[in-house]
Amino acid sequence: MSEVRKAVSSRLAKVEGHVKSIKKMTDEGRSYEDILLQMAAVRKALQSAEKVIFSEQMKDMVVSGEFDQKRVDSFIK
């Protein structure tokens, strides 16, 4: 597995752990403040994974010579 895929997989494992924690916290009746903090951690972990993927995709586009605005726009959407 490539280093990029390992990095993304690691971040997604964190997301999975946080989501399980959110479910458990909800079932246990924990405070909404605590739950919202965990949700923020999920968003941050997902954004981190997105950055890794986006960065790698951009590198691939430049190296392959397929870096054109239309392709970039379609990837961003």
C-alpha atoms as a PDB file:
ATOM      1  CA  MET A   1       0.000   0.000   0.000  1.00  0.00           C
ATOM      2  CA  SER A   2       1.352   3.442  -0.892  1.00  0.00           C
ATOM      3  CA  GLU A   3       2.264   5.964   1.770  1.00  0.00           C
ATOM      4  CA  VAL A   4      -0.592   8.196   0.628  1.00  0.00           C
ATOM      5  CA  ARG A   5      -3.138   5.410   0.976  1.00  0.00           C
ATOM      6  CA  LYS A   6      -1.738   4.534   4.407  1.00  0.00           C
ATOM      7  CA  ALA A   7      -2.102   8.167   5.477  1.00  0.00           C
ATOM      8  CA  VAL A   8      -5.693   8.325   4.225  1.00  0.00           C
ATOM      9  CA  SER A   9      -6.524   4.974   5.817  1.00  0.00           C
ATOM     10  CA  SER A  10      -5.112   6.166   9.135  1.00  0.00           C
ATOM     11  CA  ARG A  11      -7.202   9.307   9.048  1.00  0.00           C
ATOM     12  CA  LEU A  12     -10.331   7.348   8.150  1.00  0.00           C
ATOM     13  CA  ALA A  13      -9.686   4.983  11.058  1.00  0.00           C
ATOM     14  CA  LYS A  14      -9.711   8.041  13.315  1.00  0.00           C
ATOM     15  CA  VAL A  15     -13.019   9.122  11.789  1.00  0.00           C
ATOM     16  CA  GLU A  16     -14.448   5.659  12.413  1.00  0.00           C
ATOM     17  CA  GLY A  17     -13.348   5.771  16.039  1.00  0.00           C
ATOM     18  CA  HIS A  18     -14.825   9.207  16.563  1.00  0.00           C
ATOM     19  CA  VAL A  19     -18.145   8.209  14.987  1.00  0.00           C
ATOM     20  CA  LYS A  20     -18.374   5.141  17.228  1.00  0.00           C
ATOM     21  CA  SER A  21     -17.623   7.381  20.183  1.00  0.00           C
ATOM     22  CA  ILE A  22     -20.354   9.819  19.138  1.00  0.00           C
ATOM     23  CA  LYS A  23     -22.895   6.993  18.917  1.00  0.00           C
ATOM     24  CA  LYS A  24     -21.904   5.685  22.342  1.00  0.00           C
ATOM     25  CA  MET A  25     -21.996   9.167  23.857  1.00  0.00           C
ATOM     26  CA  THR A  26     -25.456   9.757  22.403  1.00  0.00           C
ATOM     27  CA  ASP A  27     -26.732   6.416  23.712  1.00  0.00           C
ATOM     28  CA  GLU A  28     -25.316   7.217  27.160  1.00  0.00           C
ATOM     29  CA  GLY A  29     -26.972  10.632  27.239  1.00  0.00           C
ATOM     30  CA  ARG A  30     -23.719  12.598  27.325  1.00  0.00           C
ATOM     31  CA  SER A  31     -23.876  16.365  26.961  1.00  0.00           C
ATOM     32  CA  TYR A  32     -24.463  17.900  23.559  1.00  0.00           C
ATOM     33  CA  GLU A  33     -21.320  19.948  24.073  1.00  0.00           C
ATOM     34  CA  ASP A  34     -19.229  16.757  24.324  1.00  0.00           C
ATOM     35  CA  ILE A  35     -20.977  15.279  21.298  1.00  0.00           C
ATOM     36  CA  LEU A  36     -20.396  18.428  19.250  1.00  0.00           C
ATOM     37  CA  LEU A  37     -16.701  18.363  20.152  1.00  0.00           C
ATOM     38  CA  GLN A  38     -16.458  14.815  18.802  1.00  0.00           C
ATOM     39  CA  MET A  39     -18.314  15.844  15.649  1.00  0.00           C
ATOM     40  CA  ALA A  40     -15.790  18.640  15.146  1.00  0.00           C
ATOM     41  CA  ALA A  41     -13.008  16.051  15.439  1.00  0.00           C
ATOM     42  CA  VAL A  42     -14.699  13.972  12.724  1.00  0.00           C
ATOM     43  CA  ARG A  43     -14.894  16.977  10.402  1.00  0.00           C
ATOM     44  CA  LYS A  44     -11.239  17.796  11.006  1.00  0.00           C
ATOM     45  CA  ALA A  45     -10.135  14.209  10.340  1.00  0.00           C
ATOM     46  CA  LEU A  46     -12.180  14.084   7.119  1.00  0.00           C
ATOM     47  CA  GLN A  47     -10.745  17.410   5.978  1.00  0.00           C
ATOM     48  CA  SER A  48      -7.270  16.097   6.667  1.00  0.00           C
ATOM     49  CA  ALA A  49      -7.932  13.014   4.527  1.00  0.00           C
ATOM     50  CA  GLU A  50      -9.388  15.221   1.789  1.00  0.00           C
ATOM     51  CA  LYS A  51      -6.249  17.375   1.759  1.00  0.00           C
ATOM     52  CA  VAL A  52      -4.015  14.336   1.358  1.00  0.00           C
ATOM     53  CA  ILE A  53      -6.123  12.968  -1.508  1.00  0.00           C
ATOM     54  CA  PHE A  54      -6.470  16.348  -3.213  1.00  0.00           C
ATOM     55  CA  SER A  55      -2.750  17.042  -2.962  1.00  0.00           C
ATOM     56  CA  GLU A  56      -1.870  13.658  -4.423  1.00  0.00           C
ATOM     57  CA  GLN A  57      -4.366  14.086  -7.250  1.00  0.00           C
ATOM     58  CA  MET A  58      -2.931  17.480  -8.141  1.00  0.00           C
ATOM     59  CA  LYS A  59       0.607  16.033  -8.170  1.00  0.00           C
ATOM     60  CA  ASP A  60      -0.563  13.211 -10.449  1.00  0.00           C
ATOM     61  CA  MET A  61      -2.192  15.698 -12.817  1.00  0.00           C
ATOM     62  CA  VAL A  62       0.953  17.809 -13.070  1.00  0.00           C
ATOM     63  CA  VAL A  63       3.260  14.815 -13.579  1.00  0.00           C
ATOM     64  CA  SER A  64       0.995  13.263 -16.210  1.00  0.00           C
ATOM     65  CA  GLY A  65       0.522  16.575 -18.021  1.00  0.00           C
ATOM     66  CA  GLU A  66      -3.255  16.345 -17.595  1.00  0.00           C
ATOM     67  CA  PHE A  67      -3.448  19.521 -15.526  1.00  0.00           C
ATOM     68  CA  ASP A  68      -6.141  21.546 -17.228  1.00  0.00           C
ATOM     69  CA  GLN A  69      -8.767  23.797 -15.704  1.00  0.00           C
ATOM     70  CA  LYS A  70     -11.722  21.647 -16.752  1.00  0.00           C
ATOM     71  CA  ARG A  71     -10.272  18.556 -15.073  1.00  0.00           C
ATOM     72  CA  VAL A  72      -9.336  20.504 -11.937  1.00  0.00           C
ATOM     73  CA  ASP A  73     -12.836  21.984 -11.744  1.00  0.00           C
ATOM     74  CA  SER A  74     -14.446  18.552 -12.066  1.00  0.00           C
ATOM     75  CA  PHE A  75     -12.237  17.186  -9.299  1.00  0.00           C
ATOM     76  CA  ILE A  76     -13.018  20.062  -6.955  1.00  0.00           C
ATOM     77  CA  LYS A  77     -16.778  19.739  -7.367  1.00  0.00           C
END
